[in-house]
Each structure stands twice: as C-alpha cells, then as structure tokens.
Amino acid sequence: MLNLLGVKPEDVQNLVRQGQAALDELRAEMACVKESLQAIERILGYEYGRPARGLMGHDPYRLPLIAQVDAGAQPTRVDLAGLLGKLATRGHVVNIGDAKVRIWFVSGAQRVGPYILLPSAAVELSFALEALEVADAGEGPSRVQLLMQ
C-alpha cells in the first residue's frame, strides 16, 4: 500500500527513528529547564525565606482586617485566622494609646513574646500569623490598631 503512495518502508522507519530522536532531545532539554527552575526556586528561598506550600497568599480582592483592640491587664486574643479565613501573612500593629503594650505572636502551638510596643510605635509583620495577644505593660490601659491581610 505504501508503494502505491510512492513511499518506501525504509523512509517510514527513518521518520520514526528521527521522531524518536527529536523527542529524546526535547525530554533532555525539559529536564534541564526543570533543574534550572528548581535552582532559581532554591536561590529565592535562600534570599527571601521559604513559605509553606499550603500557605495562602494575600488576595487583593479581599479587604484587609482593620481592628482596634483595647489592651488591658489580661491578654486579649485576636484570632486572625478566624477573622481573615486564612493565616495573616502581612500587616502591621500600631500602638495608638499613651502607654506601652505587650504583644504575643501565636502560630500553631508556638507563642512568641512578649514584645513591648512603645506608644505611637508600629511593628510590620511579614510572616504567617494565626493569632495575636495584646495586654498592657503595667503603665495603664492602651489601644492597639491592627491592619492584617
């Protein structure tokens, strides 16, 4: 049948071999590209840190959480993950009162703090945060403003 079309069986076999060789070359190139992208990801991870794969980033279509919390003698817990529907990945905390404030950062079972925030001072956050605890530092009640995304 191939002879009727003017094609020799050897030509078909050569085309198959050439196609296989071209496919092998493409696979090798794709492996190189994949290794290069992994190297770039490692370099960026060393430079900017390595966030967890399951961590949801900021969605610009959702409004940030803006809240004011009174800092009293007992720590007040602000559940950022519950209010935002995800872990807070960036934002800031500002002491808008006239007294020092103690702040604890909570992520999972880890609680870090207290961090003393002076009056009119701000802390910029750029890490995953589940909750924030706020209390006064013994100088009287104060107020903290949160902006979280």
N, C-alpha and C. Protein backbone atom coordinates (compact mmCIF):
# COMPACT_ATOMS: atom_id res chain seq x y z
N MET A 1 0.82 -1.18 0.00
CA MET A 1 0.00 0.00 0.00
C MET A 1 0.88 1.26 0.00
N LEU A 2 1.97 1.23 0.78
CA LEU A 2 2.87 2.37 0.79
C LEU A 2 3.53 2.58 -0.57
N ASN A 3 3.77 1.45 -1.28
CA ASN A 3 4.38 1.55 -2.60
C ASN A 3 3.44 2.28 -3.56
N LEU A 4 2.13 2.10 -3.39
CA LEU A 4 1.17 2.78 -4.25
C LEU A 4 1.19 4.29 -4.01
N LEU A 5 1.50 4.67 -2.80
CA LEU A 5 1.58 6.10 -2.47
C LEU A 5 2.94 6.71 -2.82
N GLY A 6 3.87 5.87 -3.18
CA GLY A 6 5.20 6.35 -3.53
C GLY A 6 6.11 6.51 -2.33
N VAL A 7 5.78 5.85 -1.23
CA VAL A 7 6.59 5.94 -0.01
C VAL A 7 7.22 4.58 0.23
N LYS A 8 8.49 4.59 0.49
CA LYS A 8 9.19 3.35 0.75
C LYS A 8 9.11 3.03 2.24
N PRO A 9 9.05 1.78 2.63
CA PRO A 9 9.01 1.40 4.05
C PRO A 9 10.24 1.89 4.82
N GLU A 10 11.40 1.96 4.14
CA GLU A 10 12.61 2.44 4.80
C GLU A 10 12.47 3.91 5.20
N ASP A 11 11.78 4.69 4.35
CA ASP A 11 11.57 6.11 4.66
C ASP A 11 10.70 6.28 5.90
N VAL A 12 9.68 5.43 6.02
CA VAL A 12 8.79 5.48 7.19
C VAL A 12 9.58 5.13 8.44
N GLN A 13 10.43 4.10 8.36
CA GLN A 13 11.24 3.71 9.51
C GLN A 13 12.23 4.81 9.88
N ASN A 14 12.80 5.49 8.90
CA ASN A 14 13.72 6.60 9.17
C ASN A 14 12.98 7.76 9.86
N LEU A 15 11.75 8.04 9.40
CA LEU A 15 10.96 9.11 10.03
C LEU A 15 10.65 8.78 11.48
N VAL A 16 10.32 7.51 11.75
CA VAL A 16 10.02 7.10 13.13
C VAL A 16 11.27 7.27 13.99
N ARG A 17 12.43 6.85 13.49
CA ARG A 17 13.68 6.99 14.24
C ARG A 17 14.01 8.47 14.49
N GLN A 18 13.83 9.30 13.46
CA GLN A 18 14.12 10.73 13.62
C GLN A 18 13.16 11.38 14.63
N GLY A 19 11.89 10.97 14.58
CA GLY A 19 10.92 11.49 15.54
C GLY A 19 11.26 11.08 16.97
N GLN A 20 11.69 9.84 17.14
CA GLN A 20 12.08 9.37 18.47
C GLN A 20 13.31 10.11 18.98
N ALA A 21 14.27 10.36 18.10
CA ALA A 21 15.48 11.10 18.48
C ALA A 21 15.12 12.54 18.87
N ALA A 22 14.25 13.17 18.10
CA ALA A 22 13.83 14.54 18.42
C ALA A 22 13.09 14.58 19.76
N LEU A 23 12.25 13.57 20.03
CA LEU A 23 11.52 13.50 21.30
C LEU A 23 12.48 13.31 22.47
N ASP A 24 13.52 12.50 22.29
CA ASP A 24 14.52 12.31 23.35
C ASP A 24 15.27 13.61 23.64
N GLU A 25 15.59 14.37 22.58
CA GLU A 25 16.25 15.66 22.76
C GLU A 25 15.36 16.64 23.54
N LEU A 26 14.07 16.66 23.20
CA LEU A 26 13.13 17.54 23.91
C LEU A 26 13.04 17.16 25.38
N ARG A 27 13.00 15.86 25.67
CA ARG A 27 12.94 15.41 27.06
C ARG A 27 14.19 15.86 27.82
N ALA A 28 15.35 15.76 27.20
CA ALA A 28 16.59 16.19 27.84
C ALA A 28 16.57 17.70 28.11
N GLU A 29 16.10 18.48 27.13
CA GLU A 29 16.00 19.93 27.31
C GLU A 29 15.02 20.29 28.42
N MET A 30 13.89 19.59 28.47
CA MET A 30 12.90 19.85 29.52
C MET A 30 13.46 19.51 30.89
N ALA A 31 14.26 18.47 30.99
CA ALA A 31 14.90 18.12 32.27
C ALA A 31 15.85 19.24 32.70
N CYS A 32 16.58 19.81 31.75
CA CYS A 32 17.49 20.93 32.07
C CYS A 32 16.71 22.16 32.53
N VAL A 33 15.62 22.46 31.85
CA VAL A 33 14.80 23.61 32.23
C VAL A 33 14.21 23.39 33.63
N LYS A 34 13.76 22.19 33.91
CA LYS A 34 13.20 21.87 35.23
C LYS A 34 14.25 22.04 36.32
N GLU A 35 15.46 21.55 36.09
CA GLU A 35 16.54 21.71 37.06
C GLU A 35 16.89 23.18 37.27
N SER A 36 16.87 23.96 36.19
CA SER A 36 17.15 25.38 36.28
C SER A 36 16.09 26.10 37.12
N LEU A 37 14.83 25.77 36.92
CA LEU A 37 13.76 26.39 37.71
C LEU A 37 13.85 26.00 39.18
N GLN A 38 14.21 24.76 39.46
CA GLN A 38 14.39 24.34 40.85
C GLN A 38 15.54 25.10 41.50
N ALA A 39 16.62 25.34 40.73
CA ALA A 39 17.75 26.10 41.26
C ALA A 39 17.34 27.54 41.56
N ILE A 40 16.55 28.14 40.68
CA ILE A 40 16.06 29.51 40.91
C ILE A 40 15.17 29.55 42.15
N GLU A 41 14.31 28.55 42.31
CA GLU A 41 13.44 28.49 43.49
C GLU A 41 14.28 28.37 44.77
N ARG A 42 15.34 27.56 44.75
CA ARG A 42 16.21 27.44 45.92
C ARG A 42 16.90 28.77 46.23
N ILE A 43 17.40 29.45 45.20
CA ILE A 43 18.07 30.73 45.40
C ILE A 43 17.12 31.75 46.00
N LEU A 44 15.90 31.84 45.46
CA LEU A 44 14.91 32.78 46.00
C LEU A 44 14.51 32.40 47.42
N GLY A 45 14.48 31.09 47.70
CA GLY A 45 14.18 30.64 49.06
C GLY A 45 15.26 31.07 50.04
N TYR A 46 16.52 31.00 49.62
CA TYR A 46 17.61 31.46 50.50
C TYR A 46 17.55 32.97 50.70
N GLU A 47 17.16 33.68 49.65
CA GLU A 47 17.14 35.14 49.72
C GLU A 47 15.94 35.67 50.52
N TYR A 48 14.76 35.12 50.27
CA TYR A 48 13.53 35.68 50.85
C TYR A 48 12.83 34.75 51.82
N GLY A 49 13.38 33.58 52.11
CA GLY A 49 12.72 32.64 53.01
C GLY A 49 11.86 31.67 52.22
N ARG A 50 11.47 30.61 52.87
CA ARG A 50 10.69 29.56 52.22
C ARG A 50 9.33 29.42 52.89
N PRO A 51 8.30 30.00 52.32
CA PRO A 51 6.98 29.83 52.92
C PRO A 51 6.47 28.41 52.71
N ALA A 52 5.58 28.00 53.58
CA ALA A 52 4.99 26.68 53.45
C ALA A 52 4.17 26.61 52.17
N ARG A 53 4.16 25.46 51.54
CA ARG A 53 3.45 25.31 50.27
C ARG A 53 1.95 25.53 50.43
N GLY A 54 1.39 25.15 51.57
CA GLY A 54 -0.05 25.27 51.76
C GLY A 54 -0.50 26.64 52.24
N LEU A 55 0.42 27.58 52.39
CA LEU A 55 0.09 28.90 52.90
C LEU A 55 -0.56 29.74 51.81
N MET A 56 -1.78 30.22 52.09
CA MET A 56 -2.49 31.05 51.12
C MET A 56 -1.93 32.46 51.14
N GLY A 57 -1.67 33.00 50.00
CA GLY A 57 -1.16 34.36 49.90
C GLY A 57 -2.27 35.38 50.03
N HIS A 58 -1.90 36.62 49.93
CA HIS A 58 -2.87 37.71 50.02
C HIS A 58 -3.68 37.81 48.74
N ASP A 59 -4.99 37.93 48.89
CA ASP A 59 -5.89 38.10 47.76
C ASP A 59 -6.27 39.58 47.68
N PRO A 60 -5.86 40.29 46.65
CA PRO A 60 -6.12 41.73 46.60
C PRO A 60 -7.60 42.09 46.48
N TYR A 61 -8.45 41.13 46.17
CA TYR A 61 -9.88 41.42 46.06
C TYR A 61 -10.59 41.36 47.41
N ARG A 62 -9.90 40.84 48.44
CA ARG A 62 -10.49 40.80 49.78
C ARG A 62 -9.97 41.97 50.59
N LEU A 63 -10.84 42.61 51.33
CA LEU A 63 -10.43 43.74 52.15
C LEU A 63 -9.57 43.25 53.32
N PRO A 64 -8.61 44.04 53.75
CA PRO A 64 -7.81 43.64 54.91
C PRO A 64 -8.61 43.78 56.20
N LEU A 65 -8.12 43.12 57.22
CA LEU A 65 -8.74 43.23 58.55
C LEU A 65 -8.22 44.51 59.20
N ILE A 66 -9.13 45.39 59.57
CA ILE A 66 -8.78 46.61 60.29
C ILE A 66 -9.53 46.56 61.61
N ALA A 67 -8.79 46.57 62.71
CA ALA A 67 -9.44 46.46 64.02
C ALA A 67 -8.66 47.27 65.04
N GLN A 68 -9.37 47.66 66.11
CA GLN A 68 -8.74 48.30 67.25
C GLN A 68 -9.04 47.45 68.47
N VAL A 69 -8.01 47.16 69.24
CA VAL A 69 -8.13 46.29 70.40
C VAL A 69 -7.67 47.05 71.63
N ASP A 70 -8.50 47.01 72.68
CA ASP A 70 -8.10 47.61 73.95
C ASP A 70 -7.16 46.67 74.68
N ALA A 71 -6.04 47.21 75.15
CA ALA A 71 -5.06 46.42 75.88
C ALA A 71 -5.27 46.65 77.36
N GLY A 72 -5.76 45.63 78.04
CA GLY A 72 -5.98 45.71 79.48
C GLY A 72 -4.97 44.87 80.23
N ALA A 73 -5.25 44.61 81.50
CA ALA A 73 -4.33 43.84 82.33
C ALA A 73 -4.22 42.40 81.85
N GLN A 74 -5.33 41.80 81.43
CA GLN A 74 -5.33 40.43 80.92
C GLN A 74 -5.13 40.45 79.40
N PRO A 75 -4.35 39.51 78.85
CA PRO A 75 -4.14 39.48 77.40
C PRO A 75 -5.45 39.25 76.64
N THR A 76 -5.66 40.04 75.62
CA THR A 76 -6.80 39.90 74.72
C THR A 76 -6.33 39.19 73.47
N ARG A 77 -6.98 38.07 73.12
CA ARG A 77 -6.57 37.29 71.95
C ARG A 77 -7.39 37.71 70.73
N VAL A 78 -6.71 37.99 69.63
CA VAL A 78 -7.35 38.32 68.36
C VAL A 78 -7.07 37.15 67.41
N ASP A 79 -8.12 36.42 67.05
CA ASP A 79 -7.97 35.25 66.17
C ASP A 79 -7.95 35.72 64.72
N LEU A 80 -6.75 35.96 64.20
CA LEU A 80 -6.60 36.49 62.84
C LEU A 80 -7.03 35.47 61.79
N ALA A 81 -6.70 34.20 62.01
CA ALA A 81 -7.06 33.15 61.04
C ALA A 81 -8.58 33.04 60.93
N GLY A 82 -9.28 33.17 62.04
CA GLY A 82 -10.74 33.10 62.01
C GLY A 82 -11.37 34.31 61.35
N LEU A 83 -10.81 35.48 61.59
CA LEU A 83 -11.38 36.71 61.03
C LEU A 83 -11.07 36.87 59.54
N LEU A 84 -9.87 36.44 59.13
CA LEU A 84 -9.49 36.57 57.73
C LEU A 84 -9.87 35.36 56.89
N GLY A 85 -10.09 34.21 57.52
CA GLY A 85 -10.36 32.99 56.78
C GLY A 85 -9.09 32.32 56.29
N LYS A 86 -7.94 32.80 56.73
CA LYS A 86 -6.62 32.26 56.38
C LYS A 86 -5.63 32.83 57.37
N LEU A 87 -4.40 32.33 57.35
CA LEU A 87 -3.37 32.90 58.20
C LEU A 87 -3.02 34.30 57.70
N ALA A 88 -2.77 35.21 58.61
CA ALA A 88 -2.33 36.55 58.22
C ALA A 88 -0.89 36.44 57.74
N THR A 89 -0.60 36.93 56.56
CA THR A 89 0.74 36.82 56.00
C THR A 89 1.48 38.16 55.98
N ARG A 90 0.78 39.25 56.16
CA ARG A 90 1.45 40.54 56.26
C ARG A 90 0.49 41.54 56.90
N GLY A 91 1.05 42.63 57.36
CA GLY A 91 0.25 43.66 58.01
C GLY A 91 1.09 44.42 59.01
N HIS A 92 0.41 45.21 59.85
CA HIS A 92 1.14 45.92 60.89
C HIS A 92 0.26 46.12 62.11
N VAL A 93 0.94 46.33 63.24
CA VAL A 93 0.32 46.57 64.54
C VAL A 93 0.84 47.91 65.02
N VAL A 94 -0.07 48.81 65.40
CA VAL A 94 0.31 50.16 65.83
C VAL A 94 -0.26 50.41 67.21
N ASN A 95 0.58 50.90 68.11
CA ASN A 95 0.12 51.29 69.45
C ASN A 95 -0.39 52.72 69.34
N ILE A 96 -1.70 52.90 69.38
CA ILE A 96 -2.28 54.24 69.25
C ILE A 96 -2.66 54.82 70.61
N GLY A 97 -2.24 54.15 71.69
CA GLY A 97 -2.51 54.64 73.04
C GLY A 97 -1.34 55.44 73.59
N ASP A 98 -1.42 55.72 74.91
CA ASP A 98 -0.40 56.54 75.57
C ASP A 98 0.50 55.73 76.49
N ALA A 99 0.35 54.41 76.50
CA ALA A 99 1.15 53.56 77.38
C ALA A 99 1.75 52.41 76.58
N LYS A 100 2.78 51.77 77.15
CA LYS A 100 3.39 50.63 76.50
C LYS A 100 2.42 49.45 76.45
N VAL A 101 2.62 48.60 75.44
CA VAL A 101 1.76 47.43 75.24
C VAL A 101 2.63 46.19 75.07
N ARG A 102 2.18 45.06 75.63
CA ARG A 102 2.86 43.77 75.40
C ARG A 102 2.09 43.01 74.32
N ILE A 103 2.84 42.42 73.37
CA ILE A 103 2.22 41.67 72.26
C ILE A 103 2.85 40.29 72.18
N TRP A 104 2.01 39.28 72.00
CA TRP A 104 2.47 37.91 71.75
C TRP A 104 2.00 37.50 70.36
N PHE A 105 2.89 36.85 69.61
CA PHE A 105 2.57 36.34 68.28
C PHE A 105 2.32 34.84 68.40
N VAL A 106 1.19 34.38 67.89
CA VAL A 106 0.81 32.97 68.01
C VAL A 106 0.65 32.36 66.63
N SER A 107 1.33 31.25 66.41
CA SER A 107 1.20 30.49 65.16
C SER A 107 1.24 29.02 65.53
N GLY A 108 0.09 28.35 65.44
CA GLY A 108 0.01 26.95 65.84
C GLY A 108 0.18 26.84 67.34
N ALA A 109 1.07 25.96 67.77
CA ALA A 109 1.33 25.78 69.20
C ALA A 109 2.42 26.71 69.70
N GLN A 110 3.01 27.50 68.81
CA GLN A 110 4.12 28.37 69.17
C GLN A 110 3.60 29.76 69.54
N ARG A 111 4.03 30.24 70.71
CA ARG A 111 3.66 31.57 71.19
C ARG A 111 4.94 32.32 71.49
N VAL A 112 5.18 33.42 70.78
CA VAL A 112 6.41 34.19 70.90
C VAL A 112 6.09 35.54 71.51
N GLY A 113 6.85 35.91 72.52
CA GLY A 113 6.64 37.21 73.13
C GLY A 113 6.96 37.15 74.61
N PRO A 114 6.70 38.19 75.33
CA PRO A 114 6.03 39.41 74.89
C PRO A 114 6.99 40.37 74.18
N TYR A 115 6.45 41.06 73.23
CA TYR A 115 7.14 42.12 72.51
C TYR A 115 6.57 43.43 73.06
N ILE A 116 7.43 44.31 73.54
CA ILE A 116 6.98 45.59 74.10
C ILE A 116 6.88 46.61 72.97
N LEU A 117 5.68 47.15 72.81
CA LEU A 117 5.43 48.15 71.77
C LEU A 117 5.21 49.50 72.45
N LEU A 118 6.09 50.45 72.17
CA LEU A 118 6.02 51.78 72.77
C LEU A 118 4.85 52.57 72.19
N PRO A 119 4.41 53.62 72.88
CA PRO A 119 3.34 54.46 72.33
C PRO A 119 3.72 55.04 70.97
N SER A 120 2.80 55.05 70.06
CA SER A 120 2.94 55.56 68.69
C SER A 120 3.92 54.76 67.85
N ALA A 121 4.31 53.59 68.29
CA ALA A 121 5.22 52.74 67.53
C ALA A 121 4.42 51.71 66.74
N ALA A 122 5.05 51.20 65.69
CA ALA A 122 4.41 50.20 64.84
C ALA A 122 5.35 49.03 64.61
N VAL A 123 4.76 47.86 64.38
CA VAL A 123 5.51 46.65 64.04
C VAL A 123 4.96 46.14 62.72
N GLU A 124 5.83 45.95 61.76
CA GLU A 124 5.43 45.42 60.44
C GLU A 124 5.60 43.91 60.48
N LEU A 125 4.59 43.19 60.04
CA LEU A 125 4.63 41.73 60.05
C LEU A 125 4.73 41.21 58.62
N SER A 126 5.62 40.26 58.42
CA SER A 126 5.75 39.66 57.09
C SER A 126 5.92 38.15 57.22
N PHE A 127 5.27 37.56 58.21
CA PHE A 127 5.33 36.12 58.42
C PHE A 127 3.93 35.62 58.72
N ALA A 128 3.74 34.30 58.65
CA ALA A 128 2.41 33.71 58.88
C ALA A 128 2.05 33.81 60.35
N LEU A 129 0.88 34.32 60.61
CA LEU A 129 0.44 34.55 61.98
C LEU A 129 -1.00 34.07 62.12
N GLU A 130 -1.25 33.27 63.15
CA GLU A 130 -2.59 32.73 63.38
C GLU A 130 -3.39 33.62 64.32
N ALA A 131 -2.74 34.11 65.37
CA ALA A 131 -3.42 34.94 66.36
C ALA A 131 -2.43 35.93 66.95
N LEU A 132 -2.98 36.93 67.61
CA LEU A 132 -2.20 37.97 68.25
C LEU A 132 -2.80 38.19 69.62
N GLU A 133 -1.96 38.29 70.65
CA GLU A 133 -2.44 38.58 72.00
C GLU A 133 -1.88 39.92 72.43
N VAL A 134 -2.73 40.75 73.03
CA VAL A 134 -2.37 42.11 73.39
C VAL A 134 -2.72 42.34 74.85
N ALA A 135 -1.80 42.93 75.61
CA ALA A 135 -2.04 43.31 77.01
C ALA A 135 -1.23 44.57 77.32
N ASP A 136 -1.64 45.27 78.39
CA ASP A 136 -0.87 46.45 78.75
C ASP A 136 0.44 46.02 79.42
N ALA A 137 1.38 46.95 79.51
CA ALA A 137 2.69 46.64 80.07
C ALA A 137 2.84 47.18 81.48
N GLY A 138 1.75 47.42 82.17
CA GLY A 138 1.80 47.89 83.55
C GLY A 138 1.73 49.38 83.71
N GLU A 139 1.65 50.12 82.63
CA GLU A 139 1.60 51.58 82.71
C GLU A 139 0.17 52.10 82.55
N GLY A 140 -0.78 51.22 82.46
CA GLY A 140 -2.16 51.62 82.28
C GLY A 140 -2.71 51.10 80.96
N PRO A 141 -4.02 51.19 80.80
CA PRO A 141 -4.62 50.67 79.57
C PRO A 141 -4.19 51.46 78.33
N SER A 142 -4.21 50.78 77.23
CA SER A 142 -3.84 51.40 75.97
C SER A 142 -4.70 50.80 74.86
N ARG A 143 -4.42 51.17 73.63
CA ARG A 143 -5.19 50.69 72.50
C ARG A 143 -4.24 50.37 71.35
N VAL A 144 -4.53 49.28 70.63
CA VAL A 144 -3.70 48.83 69.52
C VAL A 144 -4.56 48.76 68.27
N GLN A 145 -4.03 49.24 67.16
CA GLN A 145 -4.72 49.15 65.87
C GLN A 145 -4.03 48.10 65.03
N LEU A 146 -4.83 47.23 64.38
CA LEU A 146 -4.31 46.15 63.53
C LEU A 146 -4.76 46.37 62.10
N LEU A 147 -3.84 46.12 61.18
CA LEU A 147 -4.16 46.06 59.77
C LEU A 147 -3.51 44.78 59.26
N MET A 148 -4.31 43.78 58.93
CA MET A 148 -3.77 42.48 58.54
C MET A 148 -4.37 42.02 57.21
N GLN A 149 -3.55 41.32 56.45
CA GLN A 149 -4.01 40.74 55.20
C GLN A 149 -3.58 39.29 55.17
